[in-house]
Amino acid sequence: MHKKKPYKKKNIGVNLAIWITAIAVLAIVLFKEPSITGKVIQGKETVFSENLNLQIDESGTYEWNVKNPGTIKSLKATGSVTSNGTAKVYIEKNGTRYTLFDSTTQLFDINIYVLPEYKKIFLGGEILIQIELTNLRGFGAGNVDVRYSIKDSKENTLASEQESTFVETKAAFVRKLLIPAEMKAGTYVAFVEVSTNSTVLGSGSDTFEVKAKFEELGFRQLKNYIISFAAAIALVIAFVIGSYLHNASKKKKEISELEKKAPLERIAKLEGELNALEAAYKSGFISKESYEKDKKRIEERLEVLRKGDIKI
């Protein structure tokens, strides 16, 4: 490890602690000159790792020289930054620097959920999606652009919205997207992408199902038909029962009136017969014996009718 002379950066008051473990995968591929037969002999690939265990508490530039020469095919560096410091890790080749780590750049974990009651919806409706943004670095708070959209199976964007959101460590919110009426029934993707300065920081997605409008209408119409039919049947039954009760009541009333009227008519008739009998006796048309016999019979029947013991 060779250390260059540190230099101070302007207006930087930092307490920077960085621990970097660099695993360098060095693939040394050696080829011999091809022989007449054209065969190629490939060298052996080897994996190297170096643990730097650096803890830095001042501003400066530090250089790490790879011990093993060869062609580097991939490299991974891990570490952490605390307090208000920043850190950047580069790899340099032929005077060109390639950034491996930049603590000032945000890195997000994106979670998106279509709310359960909106996993199956109808055309022309809407969906509610819950979006959770987590700043994995834990620093570099600021505004990010959040674009949430609906995509089909071919990743065509069918509807989208975009907004700017401030995120420090974590942010969660719910947003609404309208389902275009011209969409076809099927499975679609609710997609969220977070970016800043045209750089994508992360993305996430969730699926939901769209049903045809006629399915909703068919169900509603069937439901309305059933309700209407049941109401009509109930009205018919109520009408029949009402008519029956009305007719029964009317008939009962007529019978009652007839029952009351019949004895009175019979009494009037018997009284008329009694008057006629008396007139015939006084005129001498019938004997006394016949008069008394018929008079007794009529008076007995009148007495029975007036008491109402029997119906005649």
Protein backbone atom coordinates (compact mmCIF):
# COMPACT_ATOMS: atom_id res chain seq x y z
CA MET A 1 0.00 0.00 0.00
CA HIS A 2 1.43 3.31 -1.09
CA LYS A 3 0.03 6.50 0.41
CA LYS A 4 0.16 9.76 -1.47
CA LYS A 5 0.46 13.04 0.37
CA PRO A 6 -3.01 14.01 1.69
CA TYR A 7 -4.55 17.25 0.52
CA LYS A 8 -7.17 19.30 2.31
CA LYS A 9 -10.47 20.04 0.59
CA LYS A 10 -11.97 23.49 0.99
CA ASN A 11 -14.78 24.04 3.50
CA ILE A 12 -14.93 20.41 4.56
CA GLY A 13 -15.35 19.68 8.23
CA VAL A 14 -15.73 15.95 8.38
CA ASN A 15 -15.39 13.11 10.75
CA LEU A 16 -15.01 10.38 8.19
CA ALA A 17 -14.65 6.73 9.04
CA ILE A 18 -14.50 4.35 6.12
CA TRP A 19 -13.80 0.71 6.13
CA ILE A 20 -13.24 -0.68 2.70
CA THR A 21 -12.88 -4.33 1.90
CA ALA A 22 -11.91 -4.72 -1.69
CA ILE A 23 -12.28 -8.04 -3.36
CA ALA A 24 -10.50 -7.91 -6.66
CA VAL A 25 -11.24 -10.66 -9.10
CA LEU A 26 -8.17 -10.76 -11.26
CA ALA A 27 -8.48 -12.92 -14.30
CA ILE A 28 -5.15 -13.39 -15.95
CA VAL A 29 -5.70 -14.81 -19.34
CA LEU A 30 -2.45 -15.81 -21.04
CA PHE A 31 -2.36 -16.95 -24.62
CA LYS A 32 0.52 -18.58 -26.37
CA GLU A 33 1.24 -17.83 -29.96
CA PRO A 34 -0.89 -20.18 -32.04
CA SER A 35 0.95 -23.10 -33.63
CA ILE A 36 0.43 -24.43 -37.08
CA THR A 37 -2.46 -26.58 -35.87
CA GLY A 38 -4.25 -23.43 -34.63
CA LYS A 39 -4.69 -24.65 -31.05
CA VAL A 40 -4.93 -22.04 -28.26
CA ILE A 41 -3.71 -22.65 -24.72
CA GLN A 42 -5.67 -20.62 -22.09
CA GLY A 43 -4.12 -19.74 -18.76
CA LYS A 44 -5.69 -20.39 -15.34
CA GLU A 45 -8.08 -17.82 -13.77
CA THR A 46 -7.29 -16.85 -10.18
CA VAL A 47 -9.36 -14.98 -7.58
CA PHE A 48 -7.49 -12.55 -5.30
CA SER A 49 -8.79 -10.60 -2.33
CA GLU A 50 -7.19 -7.91 -0.20
CA ASN A 51 -8.55 -6.64 3.10
CA LEU A 52 -7.49 -3.00 3.54
CA ASN A 53 -9.13 -2.30 6.90
CA LEU A 54 -8.77 1.46 6.46
CA GLN A 55 -10.16 3.87 9.04
CA ILE A 56 -9.83 7.47 7.91
CA ASP A 57 -10.71 10.53 10.00
CA GLU A 58 -9.42 13.32 7.78
CA SER A 59 -9.94 14.55 4.26
CA GLY A 60 -7.53 13.26 1.68
CA THR A 61 -6.84 11.02 -1.26
CA TYR A 62 -5.67 7.48 -0.65
CA GLU A 63 -4.30 5.14 -3.29
CA TRP A 64 -4.43 1.37 -3.33
CA ASN A 65 -2.08 -0.49 -5.67
CA VAL A 66 -3.13 -3.99 -6.66
CA LYS A 67 -0.40 -6.44 -5.68
CA ASN A 68 -1.05 -8.94 -8.45
CA PRO A 69 -0.72 -7.81 -12.05
CA GLY A 70 -3.10 -8.98 -14.73
CA THR A 71 -6.44 -8.18 -16.31
CA ILE A 72 -9.15 -7.26 -13.80
CA LYS A 73 -12.49 -8.58 -15.04
CA SER A 74 -14.58 -7.49 -12.01
CA LEU A 75 -14.11 -5.75 -8.70
CA LYS A 76 -16.30 -5.27 -5.64
CA ALA A 77 -15.71 -2.73 -2.86
CA THR A 78 -17.78 -2.49 0.33
CA GLY A 79 -17.66 -0.12 3.27
CA SER A 80 -19.57 2.42 5.34
CA VAL A 81 -19.55 6.15 5.98
CA THR A 82 -20.58 7.74 9.28
CA SER A 83 -21.22 11.27 10.49
CA ASN A 84 -21.25 14.02 7.84
CA GLY A 85 -18.39 12.73 5.75
CA THR A 86 -18.37 11.59 2.16
CA ALA A 87 -16.30 9.04 0.34
CA LYS A 88 -15.60 8.06 -3.24
CA VAL A 89 -13.76 4.99 -4.51
CA TYR A 90 -12.34 4.83 -8.03
CA ILE A 91 -10.40 2.40 -10.13
CA GLU A 92 -7.96 3.98 -12.55
CA LYS A 93 -6.78 2.56 -15.85
CA ASN A 94 -4.64 4.37 -18.40
CA GLY A 95 -5.39 7.69 -16.74
CA THR A 96 -9.18 7.15 -16.76
CA ARG A 97 -11.09 6.88 -13.48
CA TYR A 98 -14.08 4.56 -13.04
CA THR A 99 -16.30 5.18 -10.01
CA LEU A 100 -16.93 2.16 -7.78
CA PHE A 101 -18.51 3.90 -4.80
CA ASP A 102 -19.89 7.40 -4.22
CA SER A 103 -21.53 8.13 -0.88
CA THR A 104 -23.09 11.33 -2.24
CA THR A 105 -25.17 9.33 -4.70
CA GLN A 106 -28.44 7.96 -3.36
CA LEU A 107 -29.32 4.30 -3.72
CA PHE A 108 -32.92 3.28 -3.19
CA ASP A 109 -34.84 0.15 -2.39
CA ILE A 110 -38.29 0.50 -3.99
CA ASN A 111 -41.34 -1.39 -2.79
CA ILE A 112 -44.71 -1.00 -4.48
CA TYR A 113 -47.97 -2.70 -3.52
CA VAL A 114 -51.33 -2.55 -5.24
CA LEU A 115 -53.78 -2.38 -2.33
CA PRO A 116 -55.67 -5.71 -1.93
CA GLU A 117 -59.10 -4.30 -2.81
CA TYR A 118 -57.67 -2.99 -6.09
CA LYS A 119 -55.95 -6.19 -7.26
CA LYS A 120 -59.00 -6.89 -9.46
CA ILE A 121 -60.73 -3.89 -11.02
CA PHE A 122 -62.91 -3.00 -14.02
CA LEU A 123 -62.06 -0.92 -17.05
CA GLY A 124 -62.49 2.80 -16.46
CA GLY A 125 -61.88 2.40 -12.73
CA GLU A 126 -58.82 3.27 -10.68
CA ILE A 127 -56.12 1.60 -8.61
CA LEU A 128 -54.45 2.71 -5.39
CA ILE A 129 -50.78 1.83 -4.98
CA GLN A 130 -48.62 2.08 -1.87
CA ILE A 131 -45.06 3.20 -2.56
CA GLU A 132 -42.20 2.79 -0.08
CA LEU A 133 -38.80 4.39 -0.76
CA THR A 134 -35.78 3.48 1.38
CA ASN A 135 -32.46 5.30 1.03
CA LEU A 136 -30.08 2.38 1.46
CA ARG A 137 -27.04 4.58 2.02
CA GLY A 138 -28.67 6.36 4.93
CA PHE A 139 -27.34 9.72 3.76
CA GLY A 140 -27.62 12.01 0.78
CA ALA A 141 -31.15 13.16 1.61
CA GLY A 142 -32.91 15.26 -1.00
CA ASN A 143 -35.62 15.43 -3.64
CA VAL A 144 -36.06 12.57 -6.07
CA ASP A 145 -38.37 12.18 -9.05
CA VAL A 146 -40.96 9.44 -8.59
CA ARG A 147 -42.72 8.19 -11.70
CA TYR A 148 -45.50 5.64 -11.23
CA SER A 149 -47.21 4.09 -14.22
CA ILE A 150 -49.26 1.23 -15.67
CA LYS A 151 -47.58 -1.07 -18.17
CA ASP A 152 -48.74 -4.02 -20.24
CA SER A 153 -46.94 -7.33 -20.79
CA LYS A 154 -44.81 -5.70 -23.53
CA GLU A 155 -43.74 -2.89 -21.14
CA ASN A 156 -45.75 -0.29 -23.04
CA THR A 157 -46.72 2.59 -20.75
CA LEU A 158 -50.51 3.05 -20.73
CA ALA A 159 -50.88 5.64 -17.95
CA SER A 160 -48.39 7.49 -15.76
CA GLU A 161 -47.93 10.25 -13.19
CA GLN A 162 -44.77 11.93 -11.92
CA GLU A 163 -43.90 13.98 -8.86
CA SER A 164 -40.94 15.17 -6.81
CA THR A 165 -40.59 13.77 -3.28
CA PHE A 166 -38.13 14.58 -0.50
CA VAL A 167 -36.53 11.48 1.01
CA GLU A 168 -34.11 11.43 3.92
CA THR A 169 -34.02 7.79 4.97
CA LYS A 170 -37.49 6.46 4.18
CA ALA A 171 -40.76 7.67 2.66
CA ALA A 172 -44.11 5.93 2.19
CA PHE A 173 -47.24 7.20 0.47
CA VAL A 174 -50.31 6.06 -1.50
CA ARG A 175 -51.10 7.25 -5.01
CA LYS A 176 -53.99 6.79 -7.45
CA LEU A 177 -53.86 5.86 -11.12
CA LEU A 178 -56.87 5.87 -13.45
CA ILE A 179 -57.43 2.86 -15.71
CA PRO A 180 -57.92 3.97 -19.34
CA ALA A 181 -61.29 2.85 -20.70
CA GLU A 182 -59.68 1.67 -23.95
CA MET A 183 -57.52 -0.92 -22.16
CA LYS A 184 -58.30 -4.59 -22.71
CA ALA A 185 -59.04 -7.10 -19.99
CA GLY A 186 -55.91 -8.83 -18.69
CA THR A 187 -53.02 -8.66 -16.26
CA TYR A 188 -51.04 -5.42 -15.99
CA VAL A 189 -48.08 -4.05 -14.03
CA ALA A 190 -48.04 -1.09 -11.66
CA PHE A 191 -44.48 0.24 -12.03
CA VAL A 192 -42.53 2.82 -10.00
CA GLU A 193 -39.18 4.33 -10.96
CA VAL A 194 -37.11 6.70 -8.81
CA SER A 195 -34.52 8.94 -10.43
CA THR A 196 -32.55 12.12 -9.98
CA ASN A 197 -30.85 14.18 -12.67
CA SER A 198 -31.93 11.57 -15.23
CA THR A 199 -30.12 8.84 -13.25
CA VAL A 200 -32.32 5.90 -12.24
CA LEU A 201 -31.87 5.10 -8.54
CA GLY A 202 -34.24 2.15 -8.31
CA SER A 203 -37.54 0.69 -9.42
CA GLY A 204 -40.28 -1.70 -8.30
CA SER A 205 -43.48 -3.25 -9.60
CA ASP A 206 -46.63 -5.19 -8.70
CA THR A 207 -49.31 -6.83 -10.84
CA PHE A 208 -53.08 -6.43 -10.92
CA GLU A 209 -55.96 -7.71 -13.04
CA VAL A 210 -58.36 -5.68 -15.18
CA LYS A 211 -61.79 -7.10 -16.00
CA ALA A 212 -64.01 -6.15 -18.91
CA LYS A 213 -66.74 -3.60 -18.24
CA PHE A 214 -69.47 -5.91 -19.54
CA GLU A 215 -68.67 -8.38 -16.76
CA GLU A 216 -69.53 -5.70 -14.23
CA LEU A 217 -72.60 -4.61 -16.20
CA GLY A 218 -73.74 -8.21 -16.67
CA PHE A 219 -73.52 -8.88 -12.96
CA ARG A 220 -75.29 -5.64 -12.09
CA GLN A 221 -78.00 -6.22 -14.67
CA LEU A 222 -78.54 -9.77 -13.48
CA LYS A 223 -78.74 -8.51 -9.93
CA ASN A 224 -81.25 -5.82 -10.97
CA TYR A 225 -83.30 -8.37 -12.92
CA ILE A 226 -83.45 -10.68 -9.93
CA ILE A 227 -84.48 -7.86 -7.62
CA SER A 228 -87.12 -6.60 -10.09
CA PHE A 229 -88.49 -10.11 -10.66
CA ALA A 230 -88.66 -10.78 -6.92
CA ALA A 231 -90.42 -7.44 -6.38
CA ALA A 232 -92.96 -8.24 -9.14
CA ILE A 233 -93.66 -11.68 -7.66
CA ALA A 234 -94.09 -10.12 -4.23
CA LEU A 235 -96.56 -7.56 -5.65
CA VAL A 236 -98.57 -10.30 -7.40
CA ILE A 237 -98.69 -12.40 -4.25
CA ALA A 238 -99.70 -9.36 -2.19
CA PHE A 239 -102.42 -8.50 -4.74
CA VAL A 240 -103.80 -12.06 -4.76
CA ILE A 241 -103.81 -12.30 -0.98
CA GLY A 242 -105.34 -8.83 -0.67
CA SER A 243 -108.06 -9.66 -3.21
CA TYR A 244 -108.83 -12.94 -1.46
CA LEU A 245 -109.06 -11.29 1.96
CA HIS A 246 -111.19 -8.48 0.54
CA ASN A 247 -113.61 -10.86 -1.18
CA ALA A 248 -113.79 -13.11 1.87
CA SER A 249 -114.53 -10.13 4.09
CA LYS A 250 -117.17 -8.87 1.65
CA LYS A 251 -118.83 -12.26 1.42
CA LYS A 252 -118.80 -12.66 5.17
CA LYS A 253 -120.40 -9.26 5.53
CA GLU A 254 -123.11 -10.11 3.01
CA ILE A 255 -123.85 -13.38 4.78
CA SER A 256 -124.01 -11.58 8.08
CA GLU A 257 -126.41 -9.02 6.63
CA LEU A 258 -128.55 -11.76 5.12
CA GLU A 259 -128.56 -13.62 8.41
CA LYS A 260 -129.74 -10.46 10.13
CA LYS A 261 -132.26 -9.63 7.42
CA ALA A 262 -133.85 -13.10 7.01
CA PRO A 263 -135.37 -13.36 10.53
CA LEU A 264 -136.82 -9.85 10.25
CA GLU A 265 -138.44 -10.66 6.95
CA ARG A 266 -139.77 -13.92 8.37
CA ILE A 267 -141.14 -12.12 11.44
CA ALA A 268 -142.85 -9.53 9.25
CA LYS A 269 -144.38 -12.31 7.15
CA LEU A 270 -145.64 -14.20 10.22
CA GLU A 271 -147.06 -10.99 11.69
CA GLY A 272 -148.90 -10.43 8.41
CA GLU A 273 -150.28 -13.95 8.55
CA LEU A 274 -151.40 -13.37 12.14
CA ASN A 275 -153.21 -10.14 11.17
CA ALA A 276 -154.88 -11.88 8.25
CA LEU A 277 -155.93 -14.74 10.52
CA GLU A 278 -157.55 -12.35 13.01
CA ALA A 279 -159.34 -10.51 10.19
CA ALA A 280 -160.71 -13.81 8.83
CA TYR A 281 -161.92 -14.89 12.26
CA LYS A 282 -163.68 -11.56 12.89
CA SER A 283 -165.33 -11.79 9.52
CA GLY A 284 -166.60 -15.30 10.30
CA PHE A 285 -164.64 -17.05 7.59
CA ILE A 286 -162.97 -19.49 10.00
CA SER A 287 -164.08 -21.16 13.20
CA LYS A 288 -162.84 -20.24 16.61
CA GLU A 289 -161.07 -23.54 17.00
CA SER A 290 -159.10 -23.08 13.74
CA TYR A 291 -158.31 -19.49 14.62
CA GLU A 292 -156.87 -20.36 18.05
CA LYS A 293 -154.88 -23.28 16.64
CA ASP A 294 -153.26 -21.25 13.85
CA LYS A 295 -152.75 -18.25 16.11
CA LYS A 296 -150.85 -20.37 18.65
CA ARG A 297 -148.64 -21.84 15.92
CA ILE A 298 -147.76 -18.39 14.53
CA GLU A 299 -147.10 -16.83 17.94
CA GLU A 300 -144.75 -19.71 18.91
CA ARG A 301 -142.72 -19.23 15.75
CA LEU A 302 -142.61 -15.47 16.27
CA GLU A 303 -141.36 -15.96 19.80
CA VAL A 304 -138.56 -18.24 18.57
CA LEU A 305 -137.51 -15.82 15.82
CA ARG A 306 -137.48 -12.82 18.14
CA LYS A 307 -135.22 -14.68 20.60
CA GLY A 308 -132.86 -15.61 17.74
CA ASP A 309 -132.47 -19.21 18.89
CA ILE A 310 -132.81 -20.65 15.37
CA LYS A 311 -132.46 -19.48 11.81
CA ILE A 312 -135.29 -19.80 9.38
